[in-house]
């Protein structure tokens, strides 16, 4: 099993505010308490956000980390984003370093 396969608890958010998305990326890093924290926010950079219609997907290796992320995002950022979708079987994909 690849390490990324363990990060299958995802949430996709929509926001038209890239600085807010950048802040939420940091929150994903914080909420992913174990393992490779960078996987949680992989694929959420500005080009990804633009390519995906102002949506980004965060991946966690435990459903509690995702739940904490949602709870904290709602507390810290009560406006400016919406939950688009959520999955318990959406493994993260390795990002190219190019």
PDB file of N, CA and C in Angstrom:
ATOM      1  N   UNK A   1       0.848  -1.186   0.000  1.00  0.00           N
ATOM      2  CA  UNK A   1       0.000   0.000   0.000  1.00  0.00           C
ATOM      3  C   UNK A   1       0.889   1.243   0.000  1.00  0.00           C
ATOM      4  N   UNK A   2       0.625   2.152  -0.895  1.00  0.00           N
ATOM      5  CA  UNK A   2       1.351   3.416  -0.934  1.00  0.00           C
ATOM      6  C   UNK A   2       0.916   4.301   0.228  1.00  0.00           C
ATOM      7  N   UNK A   3       1.825   5.136   0.679  1.00  0.00           N
ATOM      8  CA  UNK A   3       1.512   6.039   1.786  1.00  0.00           C
ATOM      9  C   UNK A   3       0.294   6.909   1.464  1.00  0.00           C
ATOM     10  N   UNK A   4       0.189   7.388   0.239  1.00  0.00           N
ATOM     11  CA  UNK A   4      -0.927   8.257  -0.134  1.00  0.00           C
ATOM     12  C   UNK A   4      -2.275   7.544  -0.034  1.00  0.00           C
ATOM     13  N   UNK A   5      -2.276   6.220  -0.216  1.00  0.00           N
ATOM     14  CA  UNK A   5      -3.520   5.456  -0.142  1.00  0.00           C
ATOM     15  C   UNK A   5      -4.165   5.540   1.241  1.00  0.00           C
ATOM     16  N   UNK A   6      -3.372   5.764   2.270  1.00  0.00           N
ATOM     17  CA  UNK A   6      -3.890   5.865   3.631  1.00  0.00           C
ATOM     18  C   UNK A   6      -4.637   7.180   3.874  1.00  0.00           C
ATOM     19  N   UNK A   7      -4.380   8.165   3.045  1.00  0.00           N
ATOM     20  CA  UNK A   7      -5.005   9.492   3.185  1.00  0.00           C
ATOM     21  C   UNK A   7      -6.262   9.524   2.321  1.00  0.00           C
ATOM     22  N   UNK A   8      -7.264   8.781   2.762  1.00  0.00           N
ATOM     23  CA  UNK A   8      -8.463   8.573   1.941  1.00  0.00           C
ATOM     24  C   UNK A   8      -9.692   9.312   2.450  1.00  0.00           C
ATOM     25  N   UNK A   9      -9.574   9.993   3.581  1.00  0.00           N
ATOM     26  CA  UNK A   9     -10.706  10.738   4.145  1.00  0.00           C
ATOM     27  C   UNK A   9     -10.602  12.172   3.636  1.00  0.00           C
ATOM     28  N   UNK A  10     -11.408  12.489   2.647  1.00  0.00           N
ATOM     29  CA  UNK A  10     -11.252  13.767   1.959  1.00  0.00           C
ATOM     30  C   UNK A  10     -12.426  14.703   2.194  1.00  0.00           C
ATOM     31  N   UNK A  11     -12.134  15.951   1.963  1.00  0.00           N
ATOM     32  CA  UNK A  11     -13.165  16.990   1.896  1.00  0.00           C
ATOM     33  C   UNK A  11     -12.754  17.957   0.799  1.00  0.00           C
ATOM     34  N   UNK A  12     -13.698  18.277  -0.059  1.00  0.00           N
ATOM     35  CA  UNK A  12     -13.482  19.259  -1.110  1.00  0.00           C
ATOM     36  C   UNK A  12     -14.247  20.506  -0.736  1.00  0.00           C
ATOM     37  N   UNK A  13     -13.547  21.633  -0.803  1.00  0.00           N
ATOM     38  CA  UNK A  13     -14.188  22.909  -0.504  1.00  0.00           C
ATOM     39  C   UNK A  13     -14.154  23.793  -1.745  1.00  0.00           C
ATOM     40  N   UNK A  14     -15.055  24.764  -1.757  1.00  0.00           N
ATOM     41  CA  UNK A  14     -15.078  25.778  -2.805  1.00  0.00           C
ATOM     42  C   UNK A  14     -14.898  27.130  -2.135  1.00  0.00           C
ATOM     43  N   UNK A  15     -14.051  27.958  -2.728  1.00  0.00           N
ATOM     44  CA  UNK A  15     -13.887  29.338  -2.285  1.00  0.00           C
ATOM     45  C   UNK A  15     -13.385  30.164  -3.453  1.00  0.00           C
ATOM     46  N   UNK A  16     -13.910  31.362  -3.598  1.00  0.00           N
ATOM     47  CA  UNK A  16     -13.431  32.284  -4.621  1.00  0.00           C
ATOM     48  C   UNK A  16     -12.286  33.150  -4.102  1.00  0.00           C
ATOM     49  N   UNK A  17     -11.830  32.885  -2.886  1.00  0.00           N
ATOM     50  CA  UNK A  17     -10.837  33.703  -2.191  1.00  0.00           C
ATOM     51  C   UNK A  17      -9.551  32.892  -1.983  1.00  0.00           C
ATOM     52  N   UNK A  18      -8.568  33.057  -2.880  1.00  0.00           N
ATOM     53  CA  UNK A  18      -7.337  32.271  -2.791  1.00  0.00           C
ATOM     54  C   UNK A  18      -6.568  32.528  -1.503  1.00  0.00           C
ATOM     55  N   UNK A  19      -6.477  33.754  -0.978  1.00  0.00           N
ATOM     56  CA  UNK A  19      -5.798  33.917   0.312  1.00  0.00           C
ATOM     57  C   UNK A  19      -6.465  33.111   1.433  1.00  0.00           C
ATOM     58  N   UNK A  20      -7.771  32.981   1.384  1.00  0.00           N
ATOM     59  CA  UNK A  20      -8.466  32.152   2.365  1.00  0.00           C
ATOM     60  C   UNK A  20      -8.086  30.686   2.175  1.00  0.00           C
ATOM     61  N   UNK A  21      -8.038  30.230   0.929  1.00  0.00           N
ATOM     62  CA  UNK A  21      -7.633  28.849   0.650  1.00  0.00           C
ATOM     63  C   UNK A  21      -6.219  28.605   1.177  1.00  0.00           C
ATOM     64  N   UNK A  22      -5.332  29.556   0.991  1.00  0.00           N
ATOM     65  CA  UNK A  22      -3.964  29.410   1.490  1.00  0.00           C
ATOM     66  C   UNK A  22      -3.961  29.252   3.015  1.00  0.00           C
ATOM     67  N   UNK A  23      -4.809  29.985   3.686  1.00  0.00           N
ATOM     68  CA  UNK A  23      -4.919  29.862   5.141  1.00  0.00           C
ATOM     69  C   UNK A  23      -5.487  28.508   5.545  1.00  0.00           C
ATOM     70  N   UNK A  24      -6.470  28.041   4.810  1.00  0.00           N
ATOM     71  CA  UNK A  24      -7.083  26.745   5.100  1.00  0.00           C
ATOM     72  C   UNK A  24      -6.090  25.613   4.838  1.00  0.00           C
ATOM     73  N   UNK A  25      -5.176  25.807   3.897  1.00  0.00           N
ATOM     74  CA  UNK A  25      -4.118  24.823   3.671  1.00  0.00           C
ATOM     75  C   UNK A  25      -3.291  24.640   4.940  1.00  0.00           C
ATOM     76  N   UNK A  26      -2.972  25.743   5.598  1.00  0.00           N
ATOM     77  CA  UNK A  26      -2.230  25.663   6.854  1.00  0.00           C
ATOM     78  C   UNK A  26      -3.019  24.938   7.929  1.00  0.00           C
ATOM     79  N   UNK A  27      -4.314  25.152   7.946  1.00  0.00           N
ATOM     80  CA  UNK A  27      -5.164  24.458   8.910  1.00  0.00           C
ATOM     81  C   UNK A  27      -5.156  22.953   8.654  1.00  0.00           C
ATOM     82  N   UNK A  28      -5.167  22.545   7.406  1.00  0.00           N
ATOM     83  CA  UNK A  28      -5.102  21.114   7.081  1.00  0.00           C
ATOM     84  C   UNK A  28      -3.796  20.524   7.603  1.00  0.00           C
ATOM     85  N   UNK A  29      -2.697  21.230   7.405  1.00  0.00           N
ATOM     86  CA  UNK A  29      -1.405  20.778   7.916  1.00  0.00           C
ATOM     87  C   UNK A  29      -1.473  20.605   9.435  1.00  0.00           C
ATOM     88  N   UNK A  30      -2.074  21.571  10.120  1.00  0.00           N
ATOM     89  CA  UNK A  30      -2.189  21.525  11.577  1.00  0.00           C
ATOM     90  C   UNK A  30      -3.058  20.353  12.044  1.00  0.00           C
ATOM     91  N   UNK A  31      -4.161  20.109  11.374  1.00  0.00           N
ATOM     92  CA  UNK A  31      -5.120  19.076  11.801  1.00  0.00           C
ATOM     93  C   UNK A  31      -4.644  17.654  11.507  1.00  0.00           C
ATOM     94  N   UNK A  32      -3.748  17.477  10.549  1.00  0.00           N
ATOM     95  CA  UNK A  32      -3.187  16.156  10.258  1.00  0.00           C
ATOM     96  C   UNK A  32      -2.095  15.897  11.291  1.00  0.00           C
ATOM     97  N   UNK A  33      -2.441  15.234  12.385  1.00  0.00           N
ATOM     98  CA  UNK A  33      -1.553  15.120  13.542  1.00  0.00           C
ATOM     99  C   UNK A  33      -0.420  14.116  13.378  1.00  0.00           C
ATOM    100  N   UNK A  34      -0.577  13.114  12.534  1.00  0.00           N
ATOM    101  CA  UNK A  34       0.443  12.083  12.387  1.00  0.00           C
ATOM    102  C   UNK A  34       0.783  11.900  10.915  1.00  0.00           C
ATOM    103  N   UNK A  35       1.834  11.157  10.658  1.00  0.00           N
ATOM    104  CA  UNK A  35       2.182  10.851   9.277  1.00  0.00           C
ATOM    105  C   UNK A  35       2.754  12.044   8.544  1.00  0.00           C
ATOM    106  N   UNK A  36       2.629  12.020   7.240  1.00  0.00           N
ATOM    107  CA  UNK A  36       3.158  13.071   6.382  1.00  0.00           C
ATOM    108  C   UNK A  36       2.120  14.180   6.253  1.00  0.00           C
ATOM    109  N   UNK A  37       2.319  15.250   6.982  1.00  0.00           N
ATOM    110  CA  UNK A  37       1.347  16.350   7.032  1.00  0.00           C
ATOM    111  C   UNK A  37       1.157  17.033   5.672  1.00  0.00           C
ATOM    112  N   UNK A  38       2.188  16.990   4.825  1.00  0.00           N
ATOM    113  CA  UNK A  38       2.083  17.637   3.521  1.00  0.00           C
ATOM    114  C   UNK A  38       1.067  16.956   2.612  1.00  0.00           C
ATOM    115  N   UNK A  39       0.850  15.669   2.812  1.00  0.00           N
ATOM    116  CA  UNK A  39      -0.121  14.961   1.972  1.00  0.00           C
ATOM    117  C   UNK A  39      -1.518  15.545   2.175  1.00  0.00           C
ATOM    118  N   UNK A  40      -1.818  15.998   3.384  1.00  0.00           N
ATOM    119  CA  UNK A  40      -3.152  16.544   3.680  1.00  0.00           C
ATOM    120  C   UNK A  40      -3.527  17.683   2.736  1.00  0.00           C
ATOM    121  N   UNK A  41      -2.571  18.527   2.383  1.00  0.00           N
ATOM    122  CA  UNK A  41      -2.894  19.677   1.535  1.00  0.00           C
ATOM    123  C   UNK A  41      -2.300  19.583   0.131  1.00  0.00           C
ATOM    124  N   UNK A  42      -1.750  18.426  -0.225  1.00  0.00           N
ATOM    125  CA  UNK A  42      -1.209  18.256  -1.575  1.00  0.00           C
ATOM    126  C   UNK A  42      -2.273  18.478  -2.647  1.00  0.00           C
ATOM    127  N   UNK A  43      -1.890  19.153  -3.699  1.00  0.00           N
ATOM    128  CA  UNK A  43      -2.819  19.410  -4.805  1.00  0.00           C
ATOM    129  C   UNK A  43      -3.777  20.562  -4.548  1.00  0.00           C
ATOM    130  N   UNK A  44      -3.399  21.457  -3.629  1.00  0.00           N
ATOM    131  CA  UNK A  44      -4.286  22.585  -3.297  1.00  0.00           C
ATOM    132  C   UNK A  44      -3.635  23.936  -3.579  1.00  0.00           C
ATOM    133  N   UNK A  45      -2.586  23.942  -4.388  1.00  0.00           N
ATOM    134  CA  UNK A  45      -1.930  25.207  -4.720  1.00  0.00           C
ATOM    135  C   UNK A  45      -2.815  26.023  -5.675  1.00  0.00           C
ATOM    136  N   UNK A  46      -2.442  27.272  -5.878  1.00  0.00           N
ATOM    137  CA  UNK A  46      -3.248  28.170  -6.705  1.00  0.00           C
ATOM    138  C   UNK A  46      -3.538  27.620  -8.108  1.00  0.00           C
ATOM    139  N   UNK A  47      -2.556  27.042  -8.813  1.00  0.00           N
ATOM    140  CA  UNK A  47      -2.889  26.489 -10.137  1.00  0.00           C
ATOM    141  C   UNK A  47      -3.926  25.359 -10.057  1.00  0.00           C
ATOM    142  N   UNK A  48      -3.842  24.531  -9.005  1.00  0.00           N
ATOM    143  CA  UNK A  48      -4.830  23.455  -8.808  1.00  0.00           C
ATOM    144  C   UNK A  48      -6.209  24.050  -8.568  1.00  0.00           C
ATOM    145  N   UNK A  49      -6.269  25.044  -7.710  1.00  0.00           N
ATOM    146  CA  UNK A  49      -7.507  25.734  -7.361  1.00  0.00           C
ATOM    147  C   UNK A  49      -8.166  26.319  -8.611  1.00  0.00           C
ATOM    148  N   UNK A  50      -7.376  27.017  -9.426  1.00  0.00           N
ATOM    149  CA  UNK A  50      -7.910  27.611 -10.658  1.00  0.00           C
ATOM    150  C   UNK A  50      -8.394  26.534 -11.618  1.00  0.00           C
ATOM    151  N   UNK A  51      -7.584  25.494 -11.812  1.00  0.00           N
ATOM    152  CA  UNK A  51      -7.912  24.415 -12.745  1.00  0.00           C
ATOM    153  C   UNK A  51      -9.202  23.691 -12.338  1.00  0.00           C
ATOM    154  N   UNK A  52      -9.473  23.626 -11.049  1.00  0.00           N
ATOM    155  CA  UNK A  52     -10.628  22.891 -10.530  1.00  0.00           C
ATOM    156  C   UNK A  52     -11.821  23.788 -10.196  1.00  0.00           C
ATOM    157  N   UNK A  53     -11.906  24.938 -10.843  1.00  0.00           N
ATOM    158  CA  UNK A  53     -13.071  25.797 -10.650  1.00  0.00           C
ATOM    159  C   UNK A  53     -13.192  26.343  -9.241  1.00  0.00           C
ATOM    160  N   UNK A  54     -12.060  26.760  -8.664  1.00  0.00           N
ATOM    161  CA  UNK A  54     -12.006  27.336  -7.313  1.00  0.00           C
ATOM    162  C   UNK A  54     -12.370  26.321  -6.229  1.00  0.00           C
ATOM    163  N   UNK A  55     -12.043  25.060  -6.490  1.00  0.00           N
ATOM    164  CA  UNK A  55     -12.240  23.990  -5.507  1.00  0.00           C
ATOM    165  C   UNK A  55     -10.896  23.318  -5.234  1.00  0.00           C
ATOM    166  N   UNK A  56     -10.712  22.895  -3.990  1.00  0.00           N
ATOM    167  CA  UNK A  56      -9.531  22.119  -3.598  1.00  0.00           C
ATOM    168  C   UNK A  56      -9.975  20.990  -2.682  1.00  0.00           C
ATOM    169  N   UNK A  57      -9.204  19.909  -2.705  1.00  0.00           N
ATOM    170  CA  UNK A  57      -9.527  18.740  -1.887  1.00  0.00           C
ATOM    171  C   UNK A  57      -8.391  18.464  -0.922  1.00  0.00           C
ATOM    172  N   UNK A  58      -8.755  18.310   0.342  1.00  0.00           N
ATOM    173  CA  UNK A  58      -7.812  17.966   1.402  1.00  0.00           C
ATOM    174  C   UNK A  58      -8.024  16.503   1.765  1.00  0.00           C
ATOM    175  N   UNK A  59      -6.928  15.806   2.084  1.00  0.00           N
ATOM    176  CA  UNK A  59      -6.971  14.375   2.399  1.00  0.00           C
ATOM    177  C   UNK A  59      -6.322  14.119   3.756  1.00  0.00           C
ATOM    178  N   UNK A  60      -6.960  13.287   4.555  1.00  0.00           N
ATOM    179  CA  UNK A  60      -6.471  12.957   5.889  1.00  0.00           C
ATOM    180  C   UNK A  60      -6.396  11.441   6.039  1.00  0.00           C
ATOM    181  N   UNK A  61      -5.522  10.976   6.939  1.00  0.00           N
ATOM    182  CA  UNK A  61      -5.389   9.533   7.124  1.00  0.00           C
ATOM    183  C   UNK A  61      -6.240   9.002   8.271  1.00  0.00           C
ATOM    184  N   UNK A  62      -7.074   9.844   8.831  1.00  0.00           N
ATOM    185  CA  UNK A  62      -8.001   9.398   9.882  1.00  0.00           C
ATOM    186  C   UNK A  62      -9.250  10.285   9.824  1.00  0.00           C
ATOM    187  N   UNK A  63     -10.422   9.708   9.961  1.00  0.00           N
ATOM    188  CA  UNK A  63     -11.639  10.534   9.880  1.00  0.00           C
ATOM    189  C   UNK A  63     -11.719  11.587  10.982  1.00  0.00           C
ATOM    190  N   UNK A  64     -11.104  11.330  12.131  1.00  0.00           N
ATOM    191  CA  UNK A  64     -11.123  12.344  13.198  1.00  0.00           C
ATOM    192  C   UNK A  64     -10.326  13.580  12.814  1.00  0.00           C
ATOM    193  N   UNK A  65      -9.254  13.402  12.052  1.00  0.00           N
ATOM    194  CA  UNK A  65      -8.478  14.566  11.607  1.00  0.00           C
ATOM    195  C   UNK A  65      -9.312  15.422  10.655  1.00  0.00           C
ATOM    196  N   UNK A  66     -10.046  14.759   9.788  1.00  0.00           N
ATOM    197  CA  UNK A  66     -10.929  15.508   8.877  1.00  0.00           C
ATOM    198  C   UNK A  66     -12.018  16.215   9.663  1.00  0.00           C
ATOM    199  N   UNK A  67     -12.607  15.533  10.633  1.00  0.00           N
ATOM    200  CA  UNK A  67     -13.656  16.154  11.460  1.00  0.00           C
ATOM    201  C   UNK A  67     -13.107  17.367  12.201  1.00  0.00           C
ATOM    202  N   UNK A  68     -11.892  17.257  12.747  1.00  0.00           N
ATOM    203  CA  UNK A  68     -11.273  18.402  13.429  1.00  0.00           C
ATOM    204  C   UNK A  68     -11.035  19.541  12.450  1.00  0.00           C
ATOM    205  N   UNK A  69     -10.596  19.203  11.242  1.00  0.00           N
ATOM    206  CA  UNK A  69     -10.370  20.212  10.208  1.00  0.00           C
ATOM    207  C   UNK A  69     -11.662  20.977   9.911  1.00  0.00           C
ATOM    208  N   UNK A  70     -12.755  20.245   9.717  1.00  0.00           N
ATOM    209  CA  UNK A  70     -14.036  20.892   9.410  1.00  0.00           C
ATOM    210  C   UNK A  70     -14.471  21.785  10.575  1.00  0.00           C
ATOM    211  N   UNK A  71     -14.379  21.259  11.780  1.00  0.00           N
ATOM    212  CA  UNK A  71     -14.783  22.023  12.969  1.00  0.00           C
ATOM    213  C   UNK A  71     -13.975  23.309  13.100  1.00  0.00           C
ATOM    214  N   UNK A  72     -12.671  23.207  12.947  1.00  0.00           N
ATOM    215  CA  UNK A  72     -11.809  24.387  13.075  1.00  0.00           C
ATOM    216  C   UNK A  72     -11.995  25.355  11.908  1.00  0.00           C
ATOM    217  N   UNK A  73     -12.192  24.840  10.709  1.00  0.00           N
ATOM    218  CA  UNK A  73     -12.425  25.721   9.556  1.00  0.00           C
ATOM    219  C   UNK A  73     -13.713  26.519   9.755  1.00  0.00           C
ATOM    220  N   UNK A  74     -14.749  25.862  10.267  1.00  0.00           N
ATOM    221  CA  UNK A  74     -16.010  26.575  10.529  1.00  0.00           C
ATOM    222  C   UNK A  74     -15.837  27.624  11.626  1.00  0.00           C
ATOM    223  N   UNK A  75     -15.008  27.325  12.612  1.00  0.00           N
ATOM    224  CA  UNK A  75     -14.778  28.273  13.707  1.00  0.00           C
ATOM    225  C   UNK A  75     -13.922  29.455  13.249  1.00  0.00           C
ATOM    226  N   UNK A  76     -12.830  29.159  12.570  1.00  0.00           N
ATOM    227  CA  UNK A  76     -11.886  30.204  12.191  1.00  0.00           C
ATOM    228  C   UNK A  76     -12.311  30.996  10.957  1.00  0.00           C
ATOM    229  N   UNK A  77     -13.002  30.331  10.052  1.00  0.00           N
ATOM    230  CA  UNK A  77     -13.388  30.949   8.778  1.00  0.00           C
ATOM    231  C   UNK A  77     -14.888  30.745   8.566  1.00  0.00           C
ATOM    232  N   UNK A  78     -15.723  31.482   9.305  1.00  0.00           N
ATOM    233  CA  UNK A  78     -17.165  31.242   9.227  1.00  0.00           C
ATOM    234  C   UNK A  78     -17.793  31.620   7.879  1.00  0.00           C
ATOM    235  N   UNK A  79     -17.070  32.361   7.056  1.00  0.00           N
ATOM    236  CA  UNK A  79     -17.594  32.756   5.744  1.00  0.00           C
ATOM    237  C   UNK A  79     -16.477  32.637   4.722  1.00  0.00           C
ATOM    238  N   UNK A  80     -16.853  32.624   3.461  1.00  0.00           N
ATOM    239  CA  UNK A  80     -15.871  32.644   2.385  1.00  0.00           C
ATOM    240  C   UNK A  80     -15.572  31.301   1.760  1.00  0.00           C
ATOM    241  N   UNK A  81     -16.158  30.216   2.293  1.00  0.00           N
ATOM    242  CA  UNK A  81     -15.934  28.891   1.728  1.00  0.00           C
ATOM    243  C   UNK A  81     -17.157  28.035   2.000  1.00  0.00           C
ATOM    244  N   UNK A  82     -17.311  26.996   1.195  1.00  0.00           N
ATOM    245  CA  UNK A  82     -18.386  26.028   1.421  1.00  0.00           C
ATOM    246  C   UNK A  82     -17.842  24.629   1.202  1.00  0.00           C
ATOM    247  N   UNK A  83     -18.427  23.679   1.901  1.00  0.00           N
ATOM    248  CA  UNK A  83     -18.080  22.278   1.687  1.00  0.00           C
ATOM    249  C   UNK A  83     -18.766  21.835   0.406  1.00  0.00           C
ATOM    250  N   UNK A  84     -17.988  21.304  -0.534  1.00  0.00           N
ATOM    251  CA  UNK A  84     -18.517  20.845  -1.804  1.00  0.00           C
ATOM    252  C   UNK A  84     -18.836  19.358  -1.748  1.00  0.00           C
ATOM    253  N   UNK A  85     -17.916  18.560  -1.184  1.00  0.00           N
ATOM    254  CA  UNK A  85     -18.134  17.118  -1.061  1.00  0.00           C
ATOM    255  C   UNK A  85     -17.218  16.547   0.011  1.00  0.00           C
ATOM    256  N   UNK A  86     -17.528  15.313   0.392  1.00  0.00           N
ATOM    257  CA  UNK A  86     -16.766  14.612   1.420  1.00  0.00           C
ATOM    258  C   UNK A  86     -16.778  13.126   1.060  1.00  0.00           C
ATOM    259  N   UNK A  87     -15.654  12.427   1.318  1.00  0.00           N
ATOM    260  CA  UNK A  87     -15.577  11.004   0.985  1.00  0.00           C
ATOM    261  C   UNK A  87     -14.716  10.269   2.008  1.00  0.00           C
ATOM    262  N   UNK A  88     -15.060   8.996   2.226  1.00  0.00           N
ATOM    263  CA  UNK A  88     -14.247   8.118   3.068  1.00  0.00           C
ATOM    264  C   UNK A  88     -13.398   7.162   2.237  1.00  0.00           C
ATOM    265  N   UNK A  89     -13.415   7.349   0.922  1.00  0.00           N
ATOM    266  CA  UNK A  89     -12.660   6.463   0.045  1.00  0.00           C
ATOM    267  C   UNK A  89     -12.139   7.231  -1.173  1.00  0.00           C
ATOM    268  N   UNK A  90     -11.346   8.257  -0.913  1.00  0.00           N
ATOM    269  CA  UNK A  90     -10.787   9.112  -1.958  1.00  0.00           C
ATOM    270  C   UNK A  90      -9.303   9.310  -1.666  1.00  0.00           C
ATOM    271  N   UNK A  91      -8.472   8.302  -1.988  1.00  0.00           N
ATOM    272  CA  UNK A  91      -7.048   8.392  -1.653  1.00  0.00           C
ATOM    273  C   UNK A  91      -6.360   9.584  -2.317  1.00  0.00           C
ATOM    274  N   UNK A  92      -5.433  10.176  -1.581  1.00  0.00           N
ATOM    275  CA  UNK A  92      -4.629  11.279  -2.114  1.00  0.00           C
ATOM    276  C   UNK A  92      -3.765  10.750  -3.255  1.00  0.00           C
ATOM    277  N   UNK A  93      -3.429  11.646  -4.161  1.00  0.00           N
ATOM    278  CA  UNK A  93      -2.545  11.314  -5.272  1.00  0.00           C
ATOM    279  C   UNK A  93      -1.205  12.007  -5.057  1.00  0.00           C
ATOM    280  N   UNK A  94      -0.128  11.304  -5.356  1.00  0.00           N
ATOM    281  CA  UNK A  94       1.205  11.902  -5.249  1.00  0.00           C
ATOM    282  C   UNK A  94       1.285  13.090  -6.195  1.00  0.00           C
ATOM    283  N   UNK A  95       1.928  14.142  -5.730  1.00  0.00           N
ATOM    284  CA  UNK A  95       2.058  15.357  -6.526  1.00  0.00           C
ATOM    285  C   UNK A  95       3.396  15.353  -7.235  1.00  0.00           C
ATOM    286  N   UNK A  96       3.429  15.850  -8.465  1.00  0.00           N
ATOM    287  CA  UNK A  96       4.681  16.002  -9.191  1.00  0.00           C
ATOM    288  C   UNK A  96       5.472  17.126  -8.558  1.00  0.00           C
ATOM    289  N   UNK A  97       6.765  16.990  -8.526  1.00  0.00           N
ATOM    290  CA  UNK A  97       7.600  18.045  -7.959  1.00  0.00           C
ATOM    291  C   UNK A  97       8.052  19.032  -9.020  1.00  0.00           C
ATOM    292  N   UNK A  98       7.514  18.918 -10.222  1.00  0.00           N
ATOM    293  CA  UNK A  98       7.895  19.814 -11.319  1.00  0.00           C
ATOM    294  C   UNK A  98       7.284  21.166 -11.142  1.00  0.00           C
TER     295      UNK A  98
END
